[in-house]
Amino acid sequence: MFNNEKISLRQFKILVLLFSLGSTILIVPSVLSAFAHQDAWISAILGIAMGCGMICLYVALANRYPNHTIMEYSKFILGRWLGTCVGLIFYIYFVITASLVLRNVGDFITTIIMPETPIQVIHFVFLLIIMAGAGLGLEVFARAAEIFLPWILLFIGVLIGFLIPQIELNRLPPLFEASSKAIIHGSLSVLSIPYLEMIVFLIIFPAIHSKLNKSKGFIQAGLMGGLIILIITILCIAVLGWDFTSRHTFPSYTLAKKIHVGGFIQRVEVLVAIIWFLTIFFKLIVCFYGSLVGLSQLLKLGTYHIFIVPSALMMFALAYLIYPNIVYFRDFATNIWPPFALTVGLFLPAGLLIVSFFRPGSRLNN
């Protein structure tokens, strides 16, 4: 593992959980409802099931080379040149994912909270925090995730509890009104965000202290994150209605505005903002860290710190250029990102796993 950084299995599971929530809880319910209408929650279940299948694929590959990252065993499986090209594709994928997450931050803040602030200012400020966290290393931001997890779960619990009186179950039926094609198409949004992005954890997987239940922990954390996504999706439909949910880019933030208890508990959407800021911070820093370590290993360098500032500047530019405006983001998230994510997050690791069985001496020295 890079720089001999080590984290516990618990810390790894927390990072996976927070990563799975990240931008998903704000963005995905809207995309799901646009395709599957009131059956969006069925699409979510299908997407989560396929996502757990993706995690099984990742752990099957990682377990063949438990002390090495995907950048290292790509070159071993495919040879130096082809493996380096595949590793470069993974690196580009991590950078683009990080840039998209950064853009999500800018879009949310400039749309909902600070509409007069230039999006570049938001990106710059957030990048400063990410650069500091990545510079301190994996062990530091993994411990920070442990500290923030109880607060995030508390806020999610409070949000769900206060919304229960607002639920209207008649918004959920009829079941399976959407076509099978629409339900499957909608499920791809959950599969691509966040599950296909979790391949970045194959950079961190070798850093786990424990040799037992690493695979099980990865799957459990991904499933728990999926259950929270499912609950938020059901709440959006049952409280706001599928049509309202599908028209708004950040429906779960609007969802919190519906809380009104006893005439004095209201306007608690700040809870959603806090949850989102914390989870998206860890998603972004994991992607950024993965890209830094991946590039360093591709170039066979002893440190990734020299790439922090250049990589941050590249992300700053990409986040602004990757799509023109928030209106276009819906089309990007539904038609452009899923095929790209499937190519890098499914077909490449599946190919690596298959080829590894035919590679003479199929395991690296561990």
Protein backbone atom coordinates (compact mmCIF):
# COMPACT_ATOMS: atom_id res chain seq x y z
CA MET A 1 0.00 0.00 0.00
CA PHE A 2 1.09 3.53 -0.77
CA ASN A 3 3.16 5.18 1.98
CA ASN A 4 2.15 2.35 4.35
CA GLU A 5 -0.99 4.24 5.40
CA LYS A 6 -3.39 2.04 7.35
CA ILE A 7 -6.99 2.41 8.45
CA SER A 8 -9.33 0.12 10.34
CA LEU A 9 -12.15 -1.83 8.73
CA ARG A 10 -14.62 0.35 10.64
CA GLN A 11 -13.09 3.50 9.15
CA PHE A 12 -13.20 1.98 5.68
CA LYS A 13 -16.90 1.10 6.07
CA ILE A 14 -17.65 4.64 7.24
CA LEU A 15 -15.89 6.12 4.21
CA VAL A 16 -17.89 3.82 1.90
CA LEU A 17 -21.14 4.79 3.62
CA LEU A 18 -20.49 8.52 3.43
CA PHE A 19 -19.27 8.18 -0.15
CA SER A 20 -22.47 6.36 -1.13
CA LEU A 21 -24.57 9.23 0.20
CA GLY A 22 -22.44 12.12 -1.08
CA SER A 23 -24.18 13.83 -3.97
CA THR A 24 -26.66 10.94 -4.29
CA ILE A 25 -29.21 11.97 -1.65
CA LEU A 26 -29.76 15.36 -3.29
CA ILE A 27 -29.61 14.45 -6.98
CA VAL A 28 -30.72 10.87 -7.57
CA PRO A 29 -34.38 11.05 -6.34
CA SER A 30 -35.11 13.64 -9.02
CA VAL A 31 -33.61 11.53 -11.81
CA LEU A 32 -35.37 8.39 -10.59
CA SER A 33 -38.76 10.12 -10.49
CA ALA A 34 -38.29 11.58 -13.96
CA PHE A 35 -38.02 8.07 -15.39
CA ALA A 36 -40.07 5.80 -13.16
CA HIS A 37 -42.55 8.33 -11.65
CA GLN A 38 -44.05 6.89 -8.44
CA ASP A 39 -42.19 3.64 -9.11
CA ALA A 40 -38.90 5.48 -8.49
CA TRP A 41 -38.43 3.54 -5.28
CA ILE A 42 -38.60 0.27 -7.26
CA SER A 43 -35.90 1.64 -9.56
CA ALA A 44 -33.87 2.48 -6.47
CA ILE A 45 -34.15 -1.09 -5.15
CA LEU A 46 -33.07 -2.49 -8.52
CA GLY A 47 -30.16 -0.05 -8.72
CA ILE A 48 -29.02 -0.88 -5.18
CA ALA A 49 -29.17 -4.62 -5.92
CA MET A 50 -27.04 -4.15 -9.04
CA GLY A 51 -24.74 -1.84 -7.10
CA CYS A 52 -24.09 -4.51 -4.48
CA GLY A 53 -23.28 -6.83 -7.37
CA MET A 54 -20.68 -4.30 -8.52
CA ILE A 55 -19.13 -4.26 -5.07
CA CYS A 56 -18.91 -8.06 -5.18
CA LEU A 57 -17.03 -7.74 -8.47
CA TYR A 58 -14.63 -5.21 -6.95
CA VAL A 59 -13.89 -7.30 -3.87
CA ALA A 60 -13.38 -10.43 -6.01
CA LEU A 61 -10.72 -8.54 -7.95
CA ALA A 62 -9.19 -6.92 -4.86
CA ASN A 63 -8.98 -10.23 -2.98
CA ARG A 64 -6.76 -11.70 -5.68
CA TYR A 65 -4.20 -8.96 -4.99
CA PRO A 66 -4.94 -7.92 -1.37
CA ASN A 67 -1.81 -5.84 -0.82
CA HIS A 68 -1.89 -3.93 -4.08
CA THR A 69 -4.02 -1.23 -5.68
CA ILE A 70 -5.86 -1.51 -8.97
CA MET A 71 -3.14 0.59 -10.62
CA GLU A 72 -0.51 -1.97 -9.64
CA TYR A 73 -2.27 -5.18 -10.61
CA SER A 74 -3.63 -3.73 -13.86
CA LYS A 75 -0.04 -3.64 -15.10
CA PHE A 76 0.62 -7.14 -13.78
CA ILE A 77 -2.49 -8.64 -15.39
CA LEU A 78 -2.29 -6.89 -18.76
CA GLY A 79 1.41 -6.19 -19.06
CA ARG A 80 3.33 -2.98 -18.62
CA TRP A 81 2.05 -0.95 -21.57
CA LEU A 82 -1.57 -2.06 -21.81
CA GLY A 83 -1.87 -2.11 -18.02
CA THR A 84 -0.54 1.45 -17.83
CA CYS A 85 -3.13 2.56 -20.41
CA VAL A 86 -5.92 0.94 -18.39
CA GLY A 87 -4.56 2.53 -15.22
CA LEU A 88 -4.57 5.89 -16.97
CA ILE A 89 -8.25 5.39 -17.84
CA PHE A 90 -8.99 4.73 -14.16
CA TYR A 91 -7.04 7.86 -13.22
CA ILE A 92 -9.03 9.98 -15.69
CA TYR A 93 -12.25 8.47 -14.31
CA PHE A 94 -11.30 9.41 -10.74
CA VAL A 95 -10.43 12.97 -11.80
CA ILE A 96 -13.67 13.43 -13.76
CA THR A 97 -15.71 12.00 -10.87
CA ALA A 98 -14.03 14.40 -8.43
CA SER A 99 -14.65 17.31 -10.82
CA LEU A 100 -18.33 16.39 -11.13
CA VAL A 101 -18.71 16.21 -7.36
CA LEU A 102 -17.05 19.61 -7.05
CA ARG A 103 -19.44 20.99 -9.65
CA ASN A 104 -22.37 19.57 -7.67
CA VAL A 105 -21.16 21.56 -4.67
CA GLY A 106 -21.02 24.76 -6.71
CA ASP A 107 -24.42 24.20 -8.31
CA PHE A 108 -26.12 23.55 -4.98
CA ILE A 109 -24.67 26.55 -3.19
CA THR A 110 -25.15 29.02 -6.05
CA THR A 111 -28.68 27.78 -6.74
CA ILE A 112 -30.06 27.39 -3.22
CA ILE A 113 -27.93 29.24 -0.68
CA MET A 114 -25.76 31.97 -2.27
CA PRO A 115 -27.15 32.74 -5.75
CA GLU A 116 -25.14 35.95 -6.14
CA THR A 117 -21.79 34.27 -5.49
CA PRO A 118 -19.72 33.23 -8.54
CA ILE A 119 -19.45 29.46 -8.75
CA GLN A 120 -15.67 29.73 -9.15
CA VAL A 121 -15.38 31.20 -5.65
CA ILE A 122 -17.27 28.25 -4.17
CA HIS A 123 -15.06 25.79 -6.04
CA PHE A 124 -11.89 27.54 -4.91
CA VAL A 125 -12.85 27.61 -1.23
CA PHE A 126 -13.96 23.97 -1.22
CA LEU A 127 -10.82 22.89 -3.03
CA LEU A 128 -8.64 24.51 -0.36
CA ILE A 129 -10.26 22.27 2.25
CA ILE A 130 -9.91 19.18 0.07
CA MET A 131 -6.24 19.93 -0.64
CA ALA A 132 -5.54 20.27 3.08
CA GLY A 133 -7.32 16.99 3.87
CA ALA A 134 -5.56 15.06 1.10
CA GLY A 135 -2.22 16.49 2.19
CA LEU A 136 -2.74 15.19 5.73
CA GLY A 137 -3.35 11.70 4.36
CA LEU A 138 -5.79 8.80 4.41
CA GLU A 139 -5.48 8.05 8.12
CA VAL A 140 -6.41 11.61 9.10
CA PHE A 141 -9.54 12.03 7.00
CA ALA A 142 -10.63 8.47 7.85
CA ARG A 143 -10.52 9.40 11.56
CA ALA A 144 -12.44 12.59 10.76
CA ALA A 145 -15.14 10.45 9.11
CA GLU A 146 -15.47 8.49 12.36
CA ILE A 147 -16.04 11.72 14.27
CA PHE A 148 -18.72 13.07 11.92
CA LEU A 149 -20.66 9.83 11.32
CA PRO A 150 -22.79 9.94 14.53
CA TRP A 151 -23.87 13.51 13.75
CA ILE A 152 -24.77 12.63 10.17
CA LEU A 153 -26.84 9.62 11.27
CA LEU A 154 -28.49 11.74 13.98
CA PHE A 155 -29.51 14.43 11.49
CA ILE A 156 -30.81 11.81 9.05
CA GLY A 157 -32.83 10.22 11.85
CA VAL A 158 -34.28 13.59 12.89
CA LEU A 159 -35.17 14.39 9.29
CA ILE A 160 -36.96 11.08 8.77
CA GLY A 161 -38.75 11.28 12.13
CA PHE A 162 -40.10 14.78 11.52
CA LEU A 163 -41.30 13.86 8.02
CA ILE A 164 -43.37 10.86 9.06
CA PRO A 165 -46.52 12.99 9.73
CA GLN A 166 -46.19 14.46 6.22
CA ILE A 167 -46.24 11.09 4.44
CA GLU A 168 -49.20 10.45 2.12
CA LEU A 169 -49.16 6.79 1.14
CA ASN A 170 -51.70 7.38 -1.64
CA ARG A 171 -48.87 9.01 -3.60
CA LEU A 172 -47.07 5.66 -3.98
CA PRO A 173 -49.62 3.52 -5.90
CA PRO A 174 -50.31 2.29 -8.49
CA LEU A 175 -47.30 0.00 -8.48
CA PHE A 176 -45.48 -0.79 -11.71
CA GLU A 177 -47.34 1.89 -13.62
CA ALA A 178 -44.05 2.82 -15.30
CA SER A 179 -42.76 0.50 -17.99
CA SER A 180 -40.00 -2.00 -17.29
CA LYS A 181 -37.72 -0.01 -19.58
CA ALA A 182 -38.32 3.18 -17.58
CA ILE A 183 -37.68 1.41 -14.26
CA ILE A 184 -34.44 -0.15 -15.54
CA HIS A 185 -33.31 3.14 -17.10
CA GLY A 186 -33.96 4.92 -13.81
CA SER A 187 -32.04 2.28 -11.85
CA LEU A 188 -28.93 3.09 -13.89
CA SER A 189 -28.76 6.47 -12.17
CA VAL A 190 -28.37 4.76 -8.78
CA LEU A 191 -25.95 2.23 -10.24
CA SER A 192 -23.74 4.92 -11.81
CA ILE A 193 -24.04 7.32 -8.85
CA PRO A 194 -22.58 6.10 -6.51
CA TYR A 195 -21.89 2.37 -7.01
CA LEU A 196 -19.87 2.39 -10.22
CA GLU A 197 -17.83 5.24 -8.74
CA MET A 198 -16.84 3.00 -5.80
CA ILE A 199 -14.10 1.43 -7.87
CA VAL A 200 -11.95 4.22 -6.41
CA PHE A 201 -11.96 2.23 -3.15
CA LEU A 202 -9.71 -0.34 -4.84
CA ILE A 203 -7.02 2.27 -4.22
CA ILE A 204 -7.83 2.27 -0.48
CA PHE A 205 -8.75 -1.41 -0.01
CA PRO A 206 -5.14 -2.58 0.64
CA ALA A 207 -4.81 -0.04 3.46
CA ILE A 208 -7.31 -1.86 5.70
CA HIS A 209 -5.66 -3.28 8.84
CA SER A 210 -7.97 -6.25 9.20
CA LYS A 211 -7.45 -9.33 7.07
CA LEU A 212 -10.89 -10.69 7.95
CA ASN A 213 -14.32 -9.64 6.65
CA LYS A 214 -12.92 -6.86 4.43
CA SER A 215 -15.17 -7.94 1.58
CA LYS A 216 -18.19 -8.35 3.83
CA GLY A 217 -17.61 -4.90 5.33
CA PHE A 218 -17.44 -3.30 1.88
CA ILE A 219 -20.76 -4.87 0.86
CA GLN A 220 -22.45 -4.04 4.18
CA ALA A 221 -21.48 -0.37 3.96
CA GLY A 222 -22.64 -0.11 0.35
CA LEU A 223 -25.95 -1.75 1.25
CA MET A 224 -26.50 0.54 4.23
CA GLY A 225 -25.88 3.59 2.07
CA GLY A 226 -28.32 2.20 -0.49
CA LEU A 227 -31.01 1.75 2.18
CA ILE A 228 -30.69 5.41 3.20
CA ILE A 229 -30.95 6.44 -0.47
CA LEU A 230 -34.07 4.26 -0.80
CA ILE A 231 -35.68 5.82 2.29
CA ILE A 232 -34.98 9.36 1.04
CA THR A 233 -36.44 8.47 -2.36
CA ILE A 234 -39.61 7.05 -0.81
CA LEU A 235 -39.97 10.14 1.38
CA CYS A 236 -39.59 12.45 -1.62
CA ILE A 237 -42.38 10.64 -3.47
CA ALA A 238 -44.67 10.16 -0.45
CA VAL A 239 -44.32 13.75 0.78
CA LEU A 240 -43.72 15.82 -2.36
CA GLY A 241 -45.21 13.60 -5.06
CA TRP A 242 -43.30 12.15 -8.00
CA ASP A 243 -44.11 15.06 -10.33
CA PHE A 244 -42.74 17.69 -7.94
CA THR A 245 -39.71 15.52 -7.19
CA SER A 246 -38.91 15.04 -10.87
CA ARG A 247 -39.05 18.78 -11.61
CA HIS A 248 -36.60 19.83 -8.91
CA THR A 249 -32.87 19.23 -9.08
CA PHE A 250 -32.50 19.00 -5.28
CA PRO A 251 -35.83 17.55 -4.04
CA SER A 252 -34.53 16.25 -0.71
CA TYR A 253 -33.57 19.80 0.27
CA THR A 254 -37.11 20.93 -0.57
CA LEU A 255 -38.36 17.92 1.38
CA ALA A 256 -36.91 19.32 4.59
CA LYS A 257 -38.84 22.55 4.07
CA LYS A 258 -42.06 20.57 4.55
CA ILE A 259 -41.22 19.87 8.20
CA HIS A 260 -43.58 21.80 10.45
CA VAL A 261 -44.10 20.43 13.96
CA GLY A 262 -46.12 22.24 16.61
CA GLY A 263 -45.75 25.63 14.99
CA PHE A 264 -42.19 26.10 16.24
CA ILE A 265 -40.11 23.33 14.59
CA GLN A 266 -39.77 24.37 10.97
CA ARG A 267 -37.26 25.52 8.36
CA VAL A 268 -34.89 22.72 9.29
CA GLU A 269 -33.58 22.27 5.76
CA VAL A 270 -30.24 23.29 7.22
CA LEU A 271 -30.04 19.66 8.44
CA VAL A 272 -30.07 18.42 4.84
CA ALA A 273 -27.45 21.00 3.92
CA ILE A 274 -25.20 19.86 6.78
CA ILE A 275 -25.66 16.18 5.91
CA TRP A 276 -24.88 16.88 2.28
CA PHE A 277 -21.86 19.09 2.91
CA LEU A 278 -20.28 16.50 5.20
CA THR A 279 -20.97 13.48 3.00
CA ILE A 280 -19.95 15.19 -0.23
CA PHE A 281 -16.73 16.38 1.43
CA PHE A 282 -15.72 12.78 2.08
CA LYS A 283 -16.80 11.65 -1.37
CA LEU A 284 -14.74 14.38 -2.98
CA ILE A 285 -11.67 13.79 -0.84
CA VAL A 286 -11.78 10.03 -1.52
CA CYS A 287 -11.93 10.65 -5.28
CA PHE A 288 -9.19 13.28 -5.09
CA TYR A 289 -6.97 11.07 -2.94
CA GLY A 290 -7.56 8.10 -5.25
CA SER A 291 -6.52 10.14 -8.28
CA LEU A 292 -3.37 11.39 -6.53
CA VAL A 293 -2.25 7.95 -5.38
CA GLY A 294 -3.15 6.42 -8.74
CA LEU A 295 -1.10 8.96 -10.69
CA SER A 296 1.86 8.54 -8.34
CA GLN A 297 1.80 4.77 -8.79
CA LEU A 298 1.50 5.05 -12.57
CA LEU A 299 4.61 7.23 -12.58
CA LYS A 300 6.33 5.10 -9.91
CA LEU A 301 6.94 8.04 -7.59
CA GLY A 302 7.40 7.85 -3.84
CA THR A 303 4.90 10.60 -2.95
CA TYR A 304 1.67 12.02 -4.24
CA HIS A 305 2.02 15.40 -2.50
CA ILE A 306 3.72 17.04 -5.48
CA PHE A 307 0.51 16.51 -7.48
CA ILE A 308 -1.91 18.10 -5.00
CA VAL A 309 -1.78 21.67 -6.34
CA PRO A 310 -1.62 20.78 -10.09
CA SER A 311 -4.45 18.26 -9.70
CA ALA A 312 -6.58 20.77 -7.78
CA LEU A 313 -6.06 23.37 -10.51
CA MET A 314 -7.07 20.82 -13.15
CA MET A 315 -10.20 19.94 -11.18
CA PHE A 316 -11.00 23.63 -10.78
CA ALA A 317 -11.02 24.03 -14.56
CA LEU A 318 -12.86 20.78 -15.29
CA ALA A 319 -15.60 21.49 -12.76
CA TYR A 320 -16.45 24.69 -14.59
CA LEU A 321 -16.20 23.22 -18.11
CA ILE A 322 -17.64 19.72 -17.68
CA TYR A 323 -21.20 20.82 -18.44
CA PRO A 324 -22.48 24.33 -19.22
CA ASN A 325 -25.19 24.83 -16.58
CA ILE A 326 -27.38 23.09 -14.04
CA VAL A 327 -30.22 22.69 -16.56
CA TYR A 328 -27.98 20.52 -18.72
CA PHE A 329 -26.94 18.43 -15.72
CA ARG A 330 -30.11 16.29 -15.87
CA ASP A 331 -29.30 15.21 -19.41
CA PHE A 332 -25.66 14.64 -18.45
CA ALA A 333 -26.56 12.49 -15.43
CA THR A 334 -29.06 10.32 -17.34
CA ASN A 335 -27.62 9.95 -20.83
CA ILE A 336 -23.88 10.66 -20.74
CA TRP A 337 -22.53 9.60 -17.35
CA PRO A 338 -24.08 6.08 -17.03
CA PRO A 339 -22.51 4.65 -20.25
CA PHE A 340 -19.13 6.12 -19.33
CA ALA A 341 -19.39 4.84 -15.74
CA LEU A 342 -20.44 1.37 -16.98
CA THR A 343 -17.42 1.21 -19.26
CA VAL A 344 -14.89 2.09 -16.58
CA GLY A 345 -16.70 0.81 -13.49
CA LEU A 346 -18.00 -2.50 -14.87
CA PHE A 347 -16.43 -3.68 -18.11
CA LEU A 348 -12.80 -2.84 -17.32
CA PRO A 349 -12.68 -4.45 -13.83
CA ALA A 350 -14.69 -7.43 -15.12
CA GLY A 351 -12.18 -7.81 -17.92
CA LEU A 352 -9.28 -7.58 -15.47
CA LEU A 353 -10.83 -10.25 -13.26
CA ILE A 354 -11.40 -12.63 -16.16
CA VAL A 355 -7.91 -12.16 -17.59
CA SER A 356 -6.35 -12.61 -14.13
CA PHE A 357 -7.56 -16.22 -14.05
CA PHE A 358 -5.65 -16.96 -17.23
CA ARG A 359 -2.53 -15.02 -16.26
CA PRO A 360 0.33 -17.36 -15.35
CA GLY A 361 1.24 -16.86 -11.70
CA SER A 362 -2.04 -15.01 -11.18
CA ARG A 363 -1.13 -13.52 -7.82
CA LEU A 364 1.42 -10.86 -7.02
CA ASN A 365 3.81 -11.48 -4.18
CA ASN A 366 1.91 -10.29 -1.12
